[in-house]
Amino acid sequence: NDSLGHSAGDQLLRQVAQRIESCMRGSDLVAR
């Protein structure tokens, strides 16, 4: 966030969320 800015931080959080969801089962709760 500090080096690349909030926009990059937001992109990172979106991609992390997608990666976590992709490796879990549909029945597992994934939340932020």
PDB file of all heavy atoms in Angstrom:
ATOM      1  N   ASN A   1       0.834  -1.214   0.000  1.00  0.00           N
ATOM      2  CA  ASN A   1       0.000   0.000   0.000  1.00  0.00           C
ATOM      3  C   ASN A   1       0.862   1.255   0.000  1.00  0.00           C
ATOM      4  O   ASN A   1       0.607   2.206  -0.732  1.00  0.00           O
ATOM      5  CB  ASN A   1      -0.924  -0.001   1.212  1.00  0.00           C
ATOM      6  CG  ASN A   1      -2.364  -0.261   0.837  1.00  0.00           C
ATOM      7  OD1 ASN A   1      -2.714  -0.313  -0.336  1.00  0.00           O
ATOM      8  ND2 ASN A   1      -3.203  -0.428   1.824  1.00  0.00           N
ATOM      9  N   ASP A   2       1.899   1.253   0.859  1.00  0.00           N
ATOM     10  CA  ASP A   2       2.735   2.444   0.991  1.00  0.00           C
ATOM     11  C   ASP A   2       3.573   2.702  -0.254  1.00  0.00           C
ATOM     12  O   ASP A   2       3.777   3.845  -0.653  1.00  0.00           O
ATOM     13  CB  ASP A   2       3.654   2.310   2.212  1.00  0.00           C
ATOM     14  CG  ASP A   2       2.872   2.347   3.525  1.00  0.00           C
ATOM     15  OD1 ASP A   2       1.702   2.762   3.483  1.00  0.00           O
ATOM     16  OD2 ASP A   2       3.435   1.950   4.563  1.00  0.00           O
ATOM     17  N   SER A   3       4.060   1.630  -0.896  1.00  0.00           N
ATOM     18  CA  SER A   3       4.962   1.817  -2.035  1.00  0.00           C
ATOM     19  C   SER A   3       4.224   1.977  -3.361  1.00  0.00           C
ATOM     20  O   SER A   3       4.651   2.752  -4.215  1.00  0.00           O
ATOM     21  CB  SER A   3       5.928   0.628  -2.129  1.00  0.00           C
ATOM     22  OG  SER A   3       5.199  -0.588  -2.306  1.00  0.00           O
ATOM     23  N   LEU A   4       3.105   1.280  -3.540  1.00  0.00           N
ATOM     24  CA  LEU A   4       2.406   1.298  -4.835  1.00  0.00           C
ATOM     25  C   LEU A   4       1.062   2.020  -4.786  1.00  0.00           C
ATOM     26  O   LEU A   4       0.467   2.264  -5.832  1.00  0.00           O
ATOM     27  CB  LEU A   4       2.192  -0.139  -5.340  1.00  0.00           C
ATOM     28  CG  LEU A   4       3.455  -0.969  -5.554  1.00  0.00           C
ATOM     29  CD1 LEU A   4       3.099  -2.360  -6.077  1.00  0.00           C
ATOM     30  CD2 LEU A   4       4.404  -0.273  -6.528  1.00  0.00           C
ATOM     31  N   GLY A   5       0.557   2.313  -3.587  1.00  0.00           N
ATOM     32  CA  GLY A   5      -0.694   3.055  -3.476  1.00  0.00           C
ATOM     33  C   GLY A   5      -1.891   2.165  -3.212  1.00  0.00           C
ATOM     34  O   GLY A   5      -1.838   0.943  -3.338  1.00  0.00           O
ATOM     35  N   HIS A   6      -3.020   2.826  -2.860  1.00  0.00           N
ATOM     36  CA  HIS A   6      -4.243   2.088  -2.503  1.00  0.00           C
ATOM     37  C   HIS A   6      -4.800   1.296  -3.676  1.00  0.00           C
ATOM     38  O   HIS A   6      -5.372   0.234  -3.488  1.00  0.00           O
ATOM     39  CB  HIS A   6      -5.312   3.060  -1.991  1.00  0.00           C
ATOM     40  CG  HIS A   6      -5.094   3.475  -0.571  1.00  0.00           C
ATOM     41  ND1 HIS A   6      -5.293   2.632   0.499  1.00  0.00           N
ATOM     42  CD2 HIS A   6      -4.669   4.662  -0.041  1.00  0.00           C
ATOM     43  CE1 HIS A   6      -5.024   3.264   1.625  1.00  0.00           C
ATOM     44  NE2 HIS A   6      -4.643   4.502   1.327  1.00  0.00           N
ATOM     45  N   SER A   7      -4.642   1.835  -4.905  1.00  0.00           N
ATOM     46  CA  SER A   7      -5.194   1.117  -6.058  1.00  0.00           C
ATOM     47  C   SER A   7      -4.528  -0.248  -6.217  1.00  0.00           C
ATOM     48  O   SER A   7      -5.202  -1.263  -6.434  1.00  0.00           O
ATOM     49  CB  SER A   7      -5.001   1.950  -7.331  1.00  0.00           C
ATOM     50  OG  SER A   7      -5.471   1.247  -8.456  1.00  0.00           O
ATOM     51  N   ALA A   8      -3.200  -0.272  -6.067  1.00  0.00           N
ATOM     52  CA  ALA A   8      -2.492  -1.557  -6.148  1.00  0.00           C
ATOM     53  C   ALA A   8      -2.884  -2.454  -4.981  1.00  0.00           C
ATOM     54  O   ALA A   8      -3.057  -3.670  -5.148  1.00  0.00           O
ATOM     55  CB  ALA A   8      -0.982  -1.318  -6.156  1.00  0.00           C
ATOM     56  N   GLY A   9      -3.047  -1.847  -3.793  1.00  0.00           N
ATOM     57  CA  GLY A   9      -3.476  -2.640  -2.634  1.00  0.00           C
ATOM     58  C   GLY A   9      -4.833  -3.277  -2.858  1.00  0.00           C
ATOM     59  O   GLY A   9      -5.060  -4.437  -2.505  1.00  0.00           O
ATOM     60  N   ASP A  10      -5.742  -2.500  -3.481  1.00  0.00           N
ATOM     61  CA  ASP A  10      -7.075  -3.058  -3.772  1.00  0.00           C
ATOM     62  C   ASP A  10      -6.975  -4.209  -4.769  1.00  0.00           C
ATOM     63  O   ASP A  10      -7.649  -5.233  -4.629  1.00  0.00           O
ATOM     64  CB  ASP A  10      -7.981  -1.965  -4.330  1.00  0.00           C
ATOM     65  CG  ASP A  10      -8.396  -0.962  -3.268  1.00  0.00           C
ATOM     66  OD1 ASP A  10      -8.149  -1.241  -2.077  1.00  0.00           O
ATOM     67  OD2 ASP A  10      -8.956   0.084  -3.625  1.00  0.00           O
ATOM     68  N   GLN A  11      -6.150  -4.036  -5.815  1.00  0.00           N
ATOM     69  CA  GLN A  11      -5.967  -5.117  -6.787  1.00  0.00           C
ATOM     70  C   GLN A  11      -5.428  -6.370  -6.102  1.00  0.00           C
ATOM     71  O   GLN A  11      -5.869  -7.490  -6.382  1.00  0.00           O
ATOM     72  CB  GLN A  11      -4.994  -4.681  -7.886  1.00  0.00           C
ATOM     73  CG  GLN A  11      -5.543  -3.642  -8.850  1.00  0.00           C
ATOM     74  CD  GLN A  11      -4.550  -3.351  -9.962  1.00  0.00           C
ATOM     75  OE1 GLN A  11      -3.929  -4.259 -10.519  1.00  0.00           O
ATOM     76  NE2 GLN A  11      -4.367  -2.078 -10.276  1.00  0.00           N
ATOM     77  N   LEU A  12      -4.469  -6.160  -5.193  1.00  0.00           N
ATOM     78  CA  LEU A  12      -3.889  -7.307  -4.488  1.00  0.00           C
ATOM     79  C   LEU A  12      -4.947  -8.045  -3.668  1.00  0.00           C
ATOM     80  O   LEU A  12      -5.034  -9.271  -3.710  1.00  0.00           O
ATOM     81  CB  LEU A  12      -2.753  -6.819  -3.582  1.00  0.00           C
ATOM     82  CG  LEU A  12      -2.088  -7.901  -2.699  1.00  0.00           C
ATOM     83  CD1 LEU A  12      -1.493  -9.004  -3.554  1.00  0.00           C
ATOM     84  CD2 LEU A  12      -1.017  -7.270  -1.808  1.00  0.00           C
ATOM     85  N   LEU A  13      -5.781  -7.292  -2.945  1.00  0.00           N
ATOM     86  CA  LEU A  13      -6.818  -7.934  -2.124  1.00  0.00           C
ATOM     87  C   LEU A  13      -7.807  -8.700  -2.987  1.00  0.00           C
ATOM     88  O   LEU A  13      -8.246  -9.799  -2.629  1.00  0.00           O
ATOM     89  CB  LEU A  13      -7.548  -6.879  -1.293  1.00  0.00           C
ATOM     90  CG  LEU A  13      -6.732  -6.236  -0.163  1.00  0.00           C
ATOM     91  CD1 LEU A  13      -7.496  -5.080   0.464  1.00  0.00           C
ATOM     92  CD2 LEU A  13      -6.369  -7.271   0.894  1.00  0.00           C
ATOM     93  N   ARG A  14      -8.172  -8.137  -4.145  1.00  0.00           N
ATOM     94  CA  ARG A  14      -9.101  -8.850  -5.034  1.00  0.00           C
ATOM     95  C   ARG A  14      -8.476 -10.154  -5.528  1.00  0.00           C
ATOM     96  O   ARG A  14      -9.133 -11.202  -5.554  1.00  0.00           O
ATOM     97  CB  ARG A  14      -9.477  -7.954  -6.221  1.00  0.00           C
ATOM     98  CG  ARG A  14     -10.568  -6.946  -5.912  1.00  0.00           C
ATOM     99  CD  ARG A  14     -11.114  -6.311  -7.184  1.00  0.00           C
ATOM    100  NE  ARG A  14     -10.142  -5.438  -7.816  1.00  0.00           N
ATOM    101  CZ  ARG A  14     -10.047  -4.143  -7.592  1.00  0.00           C
ATOM    102  NH1 ARG A  14     -10.883  -3.550  -6.755  1.00  0.00           N
ATOM    103  NH2 ARG A  14      -9.141  -3.412  -8.213  1.00  0.00           N
ATOM    104  N   GLN A  15      -7.209 -10.096  -5.936  1.00  0.00           N
ATOM    105  CA  GLN A  15      -6.564 -11.305  -6.458  1.00  0.00           C
ATOM    106  C   GLN A  15      -6.352 -12.343  -5.357  1.00  0.00           C
ATOM    107  O   GLN A  15      -6.506 -13.550  -5.592  1.00  0.00           O
ATOM    108  CB  GLN A  15      -5.229 -10.931  -7.115  1.00  0.00           C
ATOM    109  CG  GLN A  15      -5.387 -10.090  -8.378  1.00  0.00           C
ATOM    110  CD  GLN A  15      -4.051  -9.797  -9.045  1.00  0.00           C
ATOM    111  OE1 GLN A  15      -3.132 -10.616  -9.015  1.00  0.00           O
ATOM    112  NE2 GLN A  15      -3.927  -8.616  -9.652  1.00  0.00           N
ATOM    113  N   VAL A  16      -6.009 -11.886  -4.154  1.00  0.00           N
ATOM    114  CA  VAL A  16      -5.847 -12.828  -3.036  1.00  0.00           C
ATOM    115  C   VAL A  16      -7.181 -13.520  -2.757  1.00  0.00           C
ATOM    116  O   VAL A  16      -7.243 -14.739  -2.548  1.00  0.00           O
ATOM    117  CB  VAL A  16      -5.334 -12.096  -1.781  1.00  0.00           C
ATOM    118  CG1 VAL A  16      -5.455 -12.988  -0.549  1.00  0.00           C
ATOM    119  CG2 VAL A  16      -3.875 -11.693  -1.968  1.00  0.00           C
ATOM    120  N   ALA A  17      -8.265 -12.745  -2.747  1.00  0.00           N
ATOM    121  CA  ALA A  17      -9.598 -13.327  -2.495  1.00  0.00           C
ATOM    122  C   ALA A  17      -9.925 -14.387  -3.549  1.00  0.00           C
ATOM    123  O   ALA A  17     -10.429 -15.471  -3.228  1.00  0.00           O
ATOM    124  CB  ALA A  17     -10.653 -12.232  -2.500  1.00  0.00           C
ATOM    125  N   GLN A  18      -9.602 -14.095  -4.819  1.00  0.00           N
ATOM    126  CA  GLN A  18      -9.875 -15.068  -5.886  1.00  0.00           C
ATOM    127  C   GLN A  18      -9.044 -16.330  -5.702  1.00  0.00           C
ATOM    128  O   GLN A  18      -9.551 -17.449  -5.901  1.00  0.00           O
ATOM    129  CB  GLN A  18      -9.575 -14.431  -7.250  1.00  0.00           C
ATOM    130  CG  GLN A  18     -10.553 -13.327  -7.635  1.00  0.00           C
ATOM    131  CD  GLN A  18     -10.077 -12.510  -8.822  1.00  0.00           C
ATOM    132  OE1 GLN A  18      -9.021 -12.791  -9.417  1.00  0.00           O
ATOM    133  NE2 GLN A  18     -10.840 -11.487  -9.188  1.00  0.00           N
ATOM    134  N   ARG A  19      -7.792 -16.168  -5.303  1.00  0.00           N
ATOM    135  CA  ARG A  19      -6.933 -17.350  -5.117  1.00  0.00           C
ATOM    136  C   ARG A  19      -7.425 -18.209  -3.957  1.00  0.00           C
ATOM    137  O   ARG A  19      -7.445 -19.444  -4.052  1.00  0.00           O
ATOM    138  CB  ARG A  19      -5.493 -16.912  -4.870  1.00  0.00           C
ATOM    139  CG  ARG A  19      -4.821 -16.311  -6.116  1.00  0.00           C
ATOM    140  CD  ARG A  19      -3.332 -16.119  -5.875  1.00  0.00           C
ATOM    141  NE  ARG A  19      -2.677 -15.447  -6.987  1.00  0.00           N
ATOM    142  CZ  ARG A  19      -1.364 -15.221  -7.058  1.00  0.00           C
ATOM    143  NH1 ARG A  19      -0.575 -15.628  -6.048  1.00  0.00           N
ATOM    144  NH2 ARG A  19      -0.833 -14.607  -8.087  1.00  0.00           N
ATOM    145  N   ILE A  20      -7.806 -17.558  -2.855  1.00  0.00           N
ATOM    146  CA  ILE A  20      -8.288 -18.339  -1.705  1.00  0.00           C
ATOM    147  C   ILE A  20      -9.561 -19.082  -2.079  1.00  0.00           C
ATOM    148  O   ILE A  20      -9.711 -20.273  -1.784  1.00  0.00           O
ATOM    149  CB  ILE A  20      -8.520 -17.421  -0.494  1.00  0.00           C
ATOM    150  CG1 ILE A  20      -7.190 -16.833   0.001  1.00  0.00           C
ATOM    151  CG2 ILE A  20      -9.192 -18.193   0.642  1.00  0.00           C
ATOM    152  CD1 ILE A  20      -7.339 -15.817   1.123  1.00  0.00           C
ATOM    153  N   GLU A  21     -10.487 -18.391  -2.753  1.00  0.00           N
ATOM    154  CA  GLU A  21     -11.738 -19.040  -3.156  1.00  0.00           C
ATOM    155  C   GLU A  21     -11.472 -20.216  -4.085  1.00  0.00           C
ATOM    156  O   GLU A  21     -12.128 -21.254  -3.998  1.00  0.00           O
ATOM    157  CB  GLU A  21     -12.648 -18.040  -3.863  1.00  0.00           C
ATOM    158  CG  GLU A  21     -13.523 -17.231  -2.944  1.00  0.00           C
ATOM    159  CD  GLU A  21     -14.660 -16.553  -3.681  1.00  0.00           C
ATOM    160  OE1 GLU A  21     -14.356 -15.786  -4.622  1.00  0.00           O
ATOM    161  OE2 GLU A  21     -15.818 -16.781  -3.342  1.00  0.00           O
ATOM    162  N   SER A  22     -10.494 -20.060  -4.978  1.00  0.00           N
ATOM    163  CA  SER A  22     -10.244 -21.103  -5.978  1.00  0.00           C
ATOM    164  C   SER A  22      -9.718 -22.400  -5.365  1.00  0.00           C
ATOM    165  O   SER A  22      -9.865 -23.466  -5.959  1.00  0.00           O
ATOM    166  CB  SER A  22      -9.239 -20.590  -7.019  1.00  0.00           C
ATOM    167  OG  SER A  22      -7.946 -20.452  -6.437  1.00  0.00           O
ATOM    168  N   CYS A  23      -9.104 -22.319  -4.189  1.00  0.00           N
ATOM    169  CA  CYS A  23      -8.536 -23.535  -3.596  1.00  0.00           C
ATOM    170  C   CYS A  23      -9.416 -24.120  -2.494  1.00  0.00           C
ATOM    171  O   CYS A  23      -9.026 -25.081  -1.841  1.00  0.00           O
ATOM    172  CB  CYS A  23      -7.116 -23.270  -3.069  1.00  0.00           C
ATOM    173  SG  CYS A  23      -7.052 -22.229  -1.600  1.00  0.00           S
ATOM    174  N   MET A  24     -10.605 -23.534  -2.290  1.00  0.00           N
ATOM    175  CA  MET A  24     -11.517 -24.065  -1.286  1.00  0.00           C
ATOM    176  C   MET A  24     -12.726 -24.696  -1.954  1.00  0.00           C
ATOM    177  O   MET A  24     -13.023 -24.420  -3.120  1.00  0.00           O
ATOM    178  CB  MET A  24     -11.986 -22.944  -0.337  1.00  0.00           C
ATOM    179  CG  MET A  24     -10.861 -22.224   0.397  1.00  0.00           C
ATOM    180  SD  MET A  24      -9.768 -23.324   1.337  1.00  0.00           S
ATOM    181  CE  MET A  24     -10.924 -24.037   2.500  1.00  0.00           C
ATOM    182  N   ARG A  25     -13.422 -25.531  -1.193  1.00  0.00           N
ATOM    183  CA  ARG A  25     -14.635 -26.162  -1.712  1.00  0.00           C
ATOM    184  C   ARG A  25     -15.807 -25.177  -1.669  1.00  0.00           C
ATOM    185  O   ARG A  25     -15.778 -24.196  -0.933  1.00  0.00           O
ATOM    186  CB  ARG A  25     -14.976 -27.395  -0.879  1.00  0.00           C
ATOM    187  CG  ARG A  25     -13.873 -28.434  -0.842  1.00  0.00           C
ATOM    188  CD  ARG A  25     -14.150 -29.474   0.218  1.00  0.00           C
ATOM    189  NE  ARG A  25     -14.321 -28.849   1.535  1.00  0.00           N
ATOM    190  CZ  ARG A  25     -14.579 -29.512   2.646  1.00  0.00           C
ATOM    191  NH1 ARG A  25     -14.731 -30.832   2.601  1.00  0.00           N
ATOM    192  NH2 ARG A  25     -14.717 -28.889   3.794  1.00  0.00           N
ATOM    193  N   GLY A  26     -16.808 -25.471  -2.468  1.00  0.00           N
ATOM    194  CA  GLY A  26     -17.964 -24.593  -2.496  1.00  0.00           C
ATOM    195  C   GLY A  26     -18.701 -24.527  -1.177  1.00  0.00           C
ATOM    196  O   GLY A  26     -19.380 -23.544  -0.879  1.00  0.00           O
ATOM    197  N   SER A  27     -18.588 -25.572  -0.350  1.00  0.00           N
ATOM    198  CA  SER A  27     -19.297 -25.601   0.935  1.00  0.00           C
ATOM    199  C   SER A  27     -18.560 -24.833   2.031  1.00  0.00           C
ATOM    200  O   SER A  27     -19.115 -24.607   3.106  1.00  0.00           O
ATOM    201  CB  SER A  27     -19.498 -27.054   1.386  1.00  0.00           C
ATOM    202  OG  SER A  27     -18.238 -27.704   1.533  1.00  0.00           O
ATOM    203  N   ASP A  28     -17.301 -24.444   1.797  1.00  0.00           N
ATOM    204  CA  ASP A  28     -16.520 -23.733   2.818  1.00  0.00           C
ATOM    205  C   ASP A  28     -16.823 -22.232   2.754  1.00  0.00           C
ATOM    206  O   ASP A  28     -16.914 -21.651   1.673  1.00  0.00           O
ATOM    207  CB  ASP A  28     -15.016 -23.956   2.605  1.00  0.00           C
ATOM    208  CG  ASP A  28     -14.634 -25.423   2.768  1.00  0.00           C
ATOM    209  OD1 ASP A  28     -15.264 -26.095   3.600  1.00  0.00           O
ATOM    210  OD2 ASP A  28     -13.741 -25.892   2.054  1.00  0.00           O
ATOM    211  N   LEU A  29     -16.965 -21.603   3.915  1.00  0.00           N
ATOM    212  CA  LEU A  29     -17.188 -20.161   3.984  1.00  0.00           C
ATOM    213  C   LEU A  29     -15.855 -19.440   3.842  1.00  0.00           C
ATOM    214  O   LEU A  29     -14.914 -19.697   4.584  1.00  0.00           O
ATOM    215  CB  LEU A  29     -17.849 -19.804   5.323  1.00  0.00           C
ATOM    216  CG  LEU A  29     -17.974 -18.296   5.619  1.00  0.00           C
ATOM    217  CD1 LEU A  29     -18.926 -17.642   4.637  1.00  0.00           C
ATOM    218  CD2 LEU A  29     -18.457 -18.068   7.053  1.00  0.00           C
ATOM    219  N   VAL A  30     -15.778 -18.512   2.880  1.00  0.00           N
ATOM    220  CA  VAL A  30     -14.616 -17.643   2.704  1.00  0.00           C
ATOM    221  C   VAL A  30     -15.125 -16.215   2.805  1.00  0.00           C
ATOM    222  O   VAL A  30     -16.053 -15.823   2.080  1.00  0.00           O
ATOM    223  CB  VAL A  30     -13.935 -17.868   1.339  1.00  0.00           C
ATOM    224  CG1 VAL A  30     -12.723 -16.949   1.204  1.00  0.00           C
ATOM    225  CG2 VAL A  30     -13.505 -19.322   1.191  1.00  0.00           C
ATOM    226  N   ALA A  31     -14.551 -15.404   3.714  1.00  0.00           N
ATOM    227  CA  ALA A  31     -15.041 -14.046   3.946  1.00  0.00           C
ATOM    228  C   ALA A  31     -13.861 -13.113   4.190  1.00  0.00           C
ATOM    229  O   ALA A  31     -12.761 -13.545   4.541  1.00  0.00           O
ATOM    230  CB  ALA A  31     -16.006 -14.008   5.139  1.00  0.00           C
ATOM    231  N   ARG A  32     -14.113 -11.817   3.968  1.00  0.00           N
ATOM    232  CA  ARG A  32     -13.114 -10.796   4.294  1.00  0.00           C
ATOM    233  C   ARG A  32     -13.609 -10.012   5.499  1.00  0.00           C
ATOM    234  O   ARG A  32     -14.689  -9.423   5.455  1.00  0.00           O
ATOM    235  CB  ARG A  32     -12.906  -9.863   3.103  1.00  0.00           C
ATOM    236  CG  ARG A  32     -11.856  -8.771   3.393  1.00  0.00           C
ATOM    237  CD  ARG A  32     -11.783  -7.744   2.288  1.00  0.00           C
ATOM    238  NE  ARG A  32     -10.872  -6.675   2.622  1.00  0.00           N
ATOM    239  CZ  ARG A  32     -11.005  -5.413   2.210  1.00  0.00           C
ATOM    240  NH1 ARG A  32     -12.024  -5.082   1.440  1.00  0.00           N
ATOM    241  NH2 ARG A  32     -10.120  -4.494   2.560  1.00  0.00           N
TER     242      ARG A  32
END
